[in-house]
Amino acid sequence: MKRPLAYITAAWFGGDSENAELAAQYCRAVYEAGFAPICPALYLPLFLNDAVPEEHKSGIDIGRDLLRRSRVLVVCGHGMTEAMKNDIAVAQRLGITATTLEGILTVKGQGKR
């Protein structure tokens, strides 16, 4: 079975290791719901330095390209950042469904949580 791509966005506030742990948890939940998770926050910090303006822009461009290829945008966690608002706006402009992690899990469980 081919899994549809699901782009994961969240408020990434901790350090790289805390964000990676949280991102991995979100990816696992999305995977278990039947999707192929895409989470740039999980791997881009491994090779891009966000403090370098050119690399920061590359990270944004890579993320946007991956979002364009996705079937759904999954908004995870509590709180909203400008980056998350931008992801939602891009998804809306491209006709990509946006939902929450709780929404996906509820649908998977057919209303049971």
N, C-alpha and C. Protein backbone atom coordinates (compact mmCIF):
# COMPACT_ATOMS: atom_id res chain seq x y z
N MET A 1 0.84 -1.18 0.00
CA MET A 1 0.00 0.00 0.00
C MET A 1 0.89 1.24 0.00
N LYS A 2 0.62 2.14 -0.92
CA LYS A 2 1.37 3.39 -0.99
C LYS A 2 0.76 4.39 -0.02
N ARG A 3 1.59 4.95 0.82
CA ARG A 3 1.13 5.90 1.83
C ARG A 3 1.18 7.32 1.26
N PRO A 4 0.13 8.10 1.45
CA PRO A 4 0.18 9.49 1.01
C PRO A 4 1.15 10.29 1.89
N LEU A 5 1.83 11.26 1.29
CA LEU A 5 2.78 12.08 2.02
C LEU A 5 2.06 13.08 2.93
N ALA A 6 2.54 13.19 4.15
CA ALA A 6 1.97 14.12 5.13
C ALA A 6 3.09 15.00 5.67
N TYR A 7 3.00 16.29 5.42
CA TYR A 7 4.00 17.25 5.88
C TYR A 7 3.66 17.67 7.30
N ILE A 8 4.62 17.61 8.18
CA ILE A 8 4.39 17.91 9.60
C ILE A 8 4.96 19.28 9.94
N THR A 9 4.10 20.11 10.53
CA THR A 9 4.53 21.40 11.03
C THR A 9 4.16 21.50 12.50
N ALA A 10 4.98 22.22 13.25
CA ALA A 10 4.73 22.40 14.69
C ALA A 10 5.52 23.61 15.16
N ALA A 11 5.26 24.01 16.38
CA ALA A 11 6.03 25.09 17.00
C ALA A 11 7.29 24.47 17.59
N TRP A 12 8.42 24.74 16.94
CA TRP A 12 9.68 24.17 17.39
C TRP A 12 10.37 25.19 18.28
N PHE A 13 10.27 25.00 19.60
CA PHE A 13 10.79 25.98 20.54
C PHE A 13 12.04 25.52 21.27
N GLY A 14 12.27 24.24 21.40
CA GLY A 14 13.41 23.75 22.18
C GLY A 14 14.68 23.77 21.36
N GLY A 15 15.69 23.13 21.90
CA GLY A 15 16.94 22.95 21.15
C GLY A 15 16.74 21.87 20.11
N ASP A 16 17.77 21.66 19.29
CA ASP A 16 17.67 20.68 18.22
C ASP A 16 17.31 19.28 18.72
N SER A 17 17.89 18.86 19.85
CA SER A 17 17.60 17.51 20.34
C SER A 17 16.16 17.38 20.84
N GLU A 18 15.65 18.41 21.53
CA GLU A 18 14.27 18.36 22.00
C GLU A 18 13.30 18.40 20.82
N ASN A 19 13.60 19.25 19.84
CA ASN A 19 12.75 19.32 18.65
C ASN A 19 12.77 18.01 17.88
N ALA A 20 13.92 17.39 17.76
CA ALA A 20 14.04 16.12 17.05
C ALA A 20 13.23 15.03 17.74
N GLU A 21 13.28 15.00 19.06
CA GLU A 21 12.52 13.99 19.80
C GLU A 21 11.02 14.19 19.59
N LEU A 22 10.58 15.42 19.68
CA LEU A 22 9.16 15.72 19.48
C LEU A 22 8.74 15.43 18.04
N ALA A 23 9.58 15.83 17.09
CA ALA A 23 9.29 15.58 15.67
C ALA A 23 9.19 14.08 15.40
N ALA A 24 10.06 13.29 16.00
CA ALA A 24 10.02 11.84 15.81
C ALA A 24 8.71 11.26 16.36
N GLN A 25 8.24 11.78 17.48
CA GLN A 25 6.96 11.33 18.06
C GLN A 25 5.80 11.66 17.11
N TYR A 26 5.81 12.88 16.57
CA TYR A 26 4.76 13.26 15.62
C TYR A 26 4.83 12.39 14.37
N CYS A 27 6.03 12.15 13.86
CA CYS A 27 6.19 11.31 12.67
C CYS A 27 5.67 9.90 12.92
N ARG A 28 5.96 9.36 14.08
CA ARG A 28 5.49 8.01 14.39
C ARG A 28 3.97 7.95 14.41
N ALA A 29 3.34 8.93 15.04
CA ALA A 29 1.87 8.96 15.11
C ALA A 29 1.26 9.08 13.71
N VAL A 30 1.85 9.93 12.87
CA VAL A 30 1.35 10.11 11.51
C VAL A 30 1.57 8.84 10.69
N TYR A 31 2.71 8.19 10.88
CA TYR A 31 2.98 6.92 10.21
C TYR A 31 1.95 5.87 10.62
N GLU A 32 1.68 5.77 11.90
CA GLU A 32 0.71 4.78 12.39
C GLU A 32 -0.70 5.08 11.89
N ALA A 33 -0.95 6.33 11.51
CA ALA A 33 -2.26 6.70 10.96
C ALA A 33 -2.34 6.40 9.46
N GLY A 34 -1.25 5.87 8.88
CA GLY A 34 -1.30 5.44 7.49
C GLY A 34 -0.64 6.37 6.49
N PHE A 35 0.09 7.35 6.95
CA PHE A 35 0.75 8.31 6.07
C PHE A 35 2.26 8.12 6.08
N ALA A 36 2.92 8.69 5.07
CA ALA A 36 4.38 8.77 5.03
C ALA A 36 4.75 10.17 5.51
N PRO A 37 5.26 10.29 6.73
CA PRO A 37 5.53 11.62 7.28
C PRO A 37 6.76 12.29 6.67
N ILE A 38 6.64 13.60 6.46
CA ILE A 38 7.74 14.44 6.01
C ILE A 38 7.89 15.53 7.05
N CYS A 39 9.06 15.61 7.68
CA CYS A 39 9.27 16.59 8.74
C CYS A 39 10.67 17.19 8.61
N PRO A 40 10.79 18.31 7.88
CA PRO A 40 12.09 18.94 7.70
C PRO A 40 12.79 19.28 9.02
N ALA A 41 12.03 19.61 10.05
CA ALA A 41 12.65 19.95 11.34
C ALA A 41 13.40 18.77 11.94
N LEU A 42 13.09 17.58 11.48
CA LEU A 42 13.75 16.38 12.01
C LEU A 42 15.13 16.18 11.41
N TYR A 43 15.31 16.59 10.15
CA TYR A 43 16.60 16.28 9.53
C TYR A 43 17.37 17.49 8.99
N LEU A 44 16.73 18.58 8.65
CA LEU A 44 17.47 19.72 8.10
C LEU A 44 18.54 20.27 9.05
N PRO A 45 18.27 20.33 10.37
CA PRO A 45 19.33 20.82 11.27
C PRO A 45 20.58 19.95 11.29
N LEU A 46 20.50 18.74 10.75
CA LEU A 46 21.67 17.86 10.72
C LEU A 46 22.74 18.36 9.75
N PHE A 47 22.31 19.13 8.72
CA PHE A 47 23.30 19.58 7.75
C PHE A 47 23.19 21.05 7.37
N LEU A 48 22.13 21.74 7.80
CA LEU A 48 22.01 23.17 7.53
C LEU A 48 22.21 23.96 8.82
N ASN A 49 22.91 25.08 8.72
CA ASN A 49 23.12 25.97 9.85
C ASN A 49 22.14 27.13 9.71
N ASP A 50 21.11 27.15 10.55
CA ASP A 50 20.06 28.16 10.47
C ASP A 50 20.59 29.57 10.73
N ALA A 51 21.74 29.69 11.37
CA ALA A 51 22.32 31.01 11.65
C ALA A 51 22.97 31.63 10.41
N VAL A 52 23.19 30.85 9.37
CA VAL A 52 23.75 31.35 8.11
C VAL A 52 22.57 31.70 7.20
N PRO A 53 22.42 32.98 6.85
CA PRO A 53 21.23 33.41 6.08
C PRO A 53 20.95 32.58 4.83
N GLU A 54 21.98 32.26 4.06
CA GLU A 54 21.77 31.47 2.83
C GLU A 54 21.24 30.07 3.15
N GLU A 55 21.76 29.47 4.21
CA GLU A 55 21.30 28.13 4.60
C GLU A 55 19.91 28.19 5.21
N HIS A 56 19.61 29.25 5.94
CA HIS A 56 18.26 29.45 6.48
C HIS A 56 17.25 29.50 5.33
N LYS A 57 17.57 30.30 4.29
CA LYS A 57 16.68 30.40 3.13
C LYS A 57 16.56 29.06 2.40
N SER A 58 17.67 28.33 2.30
CA SER A 58 17.62 27.01 1.66
C SER A 58 16.68 26.08 2.42
N GLY A 59 16.74 26.14 3.76
CA GLY A 59 15.85 25.32 4.57
C GLY A 59 14.39 25.64 4.32
N ILE A 60 14.07 26.92 4.21
CA ILE A 60 12.69 27.33 3.91
C ILE A 60 12.28 26.82 2.53
N ASP A 61 13.17 26.99 1.54
CA ASP A 61 12.86 26.54 0.17
C ASP A 61 12.67 25.03 0.10
N ILE A 62 13.52 24.28 0.79
CA ILE A 62 13.39 22.81 0.81
C ILE A 62 12.06 22.42 1.45
N GLY A 63 11.73 23.05 2.56
CA GLY A 63 10.46 22.77 3.23
C GLY A 63 9.27 23.05 2.34
N ARG A 64 9.28 24.19 1.64
CA ARG A 64 8.16 24.54 0.75
C ARG A 64 8.02 23.52 -0.38
N ASP A 65 9.15 23.09 -0.93
CA ASP A 65 9.10 22.09 -2.00
C ASP A 65 8.49 20.78 -1.49
N LEU A 66 8.88 20.37 -0.29
CA LEU A 66 8.34 19.13 0.27
C LEU A 66 6.85 19.28 0.58
N LEU A 67 6.45 20.46 1.04
CA LEU A 67 5.03 20.69 1.30
C LEU A 67 4.23 20.60 0.01
N ARG A 68 4.75 21.16 -1.07
CA ARG A 68 4.05 21.11 -2.36
C ARG A 68 3.81 19.67 -2.81
N ARG A 69 4.68 18.76 -2.45
CA ARG A 69 4.57 17.36 -2.87
C ARG A 69 3.65 16.53 -1.97
N SER A 70 3.22 17.13 -0.87
CA SER A 70 2.45 16.39 0.13
C SER A 70 0.95 16.42 -0.16
N ARG A 71 0.27 15.41 0.33
CA ARG A 71 -1.18 15.32 0.19
C ARG A 71 -1.88 16.08 1.31
N VAL A 72 -1.24 16.12 2.48
CA VAL A 72 -1.88 16.73 3.64
C VAL A 72 -0.82 17.45 4.49
N LEU A 73 -1.24 18.54 5.12
CA LEU A 73 -0.42 19.25 6.09
C LEU A 73 -0.96 18.91 7.47
N VAL A 74 -0.10 18.41 8.34
CA VAL A 74 -0.52 18.04 9.68
C VAL A 74 0.07 19.05 10.67
N VAL A 75 -0.82 19.78 11.35
CA VAL A 75 -0.41 20.78 12.33
C VAL A 75 -0.39 20.09 13.69
N CYS A 76 0.79 20.05 14.29
CA CYS A 76 0.97 19.31 15.54
C CYS A 76 1.26 20.24 16.71
N GLY A 77 0.96 19.75 17.90
CA GLY A 77 1.32 20.46 19.12
C GLY A 77 0.34 21.57 19.47
N HIS A 78 0.76 22.35 20.44
CA HIS A 78 -0.06 23.45 20.94
C HIS A 78 0.70 24.74 20.70
N GLY A 79 0.02 25.73 20.28
CA GLY A 79 0.67 27.00 19.97
C GLY A 79 0.79 27.16 18.47
N MET A 80 1.03 28.41 18.06
CA MET A 80 1.11 28.71 16.64
C MET A 80 2.24 29.71 16.42
N THR A 81 3.12 29.41 15.48
CA THR A 81 4.22 30.31 15.13
C THR A 81 3.96 30.90 13.75
N GLU A 82 4.75 31.90 13.40
CA GLU A 82 4.64 32.48 12.06
C GLU A 82 4.96 31.44 10.99
N ALA A 83 5.94 30.59 11.25
CA ALA A 83 6.31 29.55 10.28
C ALA A 83 5.13 28.60 10.05
N MET A 84 4.42 28.26 11.12
CA MET A 84 3.25 27.38 10.99
C MET A 84 2.15 28.09 10.19
N LYS A 85 1.93 29.37 10.47
CA LYS A 85 0.92 30.14 9.73
C LYS A 85 1.28 30.18 8.25
N ASN A 86 2.57 30.33 7.96
CA ASN A 86 3.02 30.33 6.56
C ASN A 86 2.78 28.98 5.91
N ASP A 87 3.07 27.89 6.63
CA ASP A 87 2.81 26.55 6.08
C ASP A 87 1.33 26.37 5.77
N ILE A 88 0.47 26.82 6.66
CA ILE A 88 -0.97 26.70 6.46
C ILE A 88 -1.41 27.53 5.26
N ALA A 89 -0.88 28.74 5.13
CA ALA A 89 -1.23 29.60 4.00
C ALA A 89 -0.79 28.99 2.67
N VAL A 90 0.42 28.44 2.64
CA VAL A 90 0.92 27.79 1.42
C VAL A 90 0.03 26.60 1.07
N ALA A 91 -0.29 25.78 2.06
CA ALA A 91 -1.15 24.61 1.82
C ALA A 91 -2.50 25.06 1.27
N GLN A 92 -3.07 26.09 1.86
CA GLN A 92 -4.38 26.59 1.41
C GLN A 92 -4.28 27.07 -0.04
N ARG A 93 -3.24 27.81 -0.35
CA ARG A 93 -3.06 28.33 -1.71
C ARG A 93 -2.91 27.20 -2.72
N LEU A 94 -2.28 26.10 -2.32
CA LEU A 94 -2.04 24.97 -3.23
C LEU A 94 -3.16 23.94 -3.21
N GLY A 95 -4.17 24.15 -2.38
CA GLY A 95 -5.27 23.19 -2.31
C GLY A 95 -4.92 21.93 -1.55
N ILE A 96 -3.95 22.01 -0.64
CA ILE A 96 -3.54 20.87 0.17
C ILE A 96 -4.35 20.88 1.46
N THR A 97 -4.93 19.76 1.81
CA THR A 97 -5.72 19.65 3.02
C THR A 97 -4.85 19.89 4.24
N ALA A 98 -5.33 20.72 5.16
CA ALA A 98 -4.63 20.95 6.43
C ALA A 98 -5.51 20.43 7.56
N THR A 99 -4.89 19.72 8.47
CA THR A 99 -5.62 19.19 9.61
C THR A 99 -4.66 19.14 10.80
N THR A 100 -5.20 18.74 11.92
CA THR A 100 -4.37 18.58 13.11
C THR A 100 -4.01 17.11 13.28
N LEU A 101 -3.02 16.85 14.11
CA LEU A 101 -2.68 15.46 14.43
C LEU A 101 -3.87 14.79 15.09
N GLU A 102 -4.53 15.50 15.99
CA GLU A 102 -5.71 14.94 16.66
C GLU A 102 -6.80 14.59 15.65
N GLY A 103 -6.95 15.42 14.61
CA GLY A 103 -7.94 15.15 13.57
C GLY A 103 -7.64 13.87 12.82
N ILE A 104 -6.38 13.65 12.47
CA ILE A 104 -5.99 12.43 11.76
C ILE A 104 -6.21 11.21 12.65
N LEU A 105 -5.82 11.31 13.92
CA LEU A 105 -5.96 10.18 14.82
C LEU A 105 -7.43 9.87 15.09
N THR A 106 -8.27 10.88 15.16
CA THR A 106 -9.70 10.67 15.37
C THR A 106 -10.33 9.98 14.17
N VAL A 107 -9.96 10.43 12.96
CA VAL A 107 -10.49 9.80 11.75
C VAL A 107 -10.02 8.35 11.67
N LYS A 108 -8.74 8.11 11.96
CA LYS A 108 -8.22 6.74 11.92
C LYS A 108 -9.00 5.85 12.88
N GLY A 109 -9.29 6.37 14.06
CA GLY A 109 -10.02 5.59 15.07
C GLY A 109 -11.53 5.69 14.91
N GLN A 110 -11.98 6.33 13.81
CA GLN A 110 -13.39 6.51 13.53
C GLN A 110 -14.12 7.14 14.71
N GLY A 111 -13.54 8.21 15.20
CA GLY A 111 -14.18 8.97 16.27
C GLY A 111 -13.77 8.57 17.66
N LYS A 112 -13.00 7.50 17.79
CA LYS A 112 -12.57 7.03 19.12
C LYS A 112 -11.17 7.54 19.41
N ARG A 113 -10.94 8.06 20.59
CA ARG A 113 -9.60 8.51 21.00
C ARG A 113 -9.23 7.89 22.30
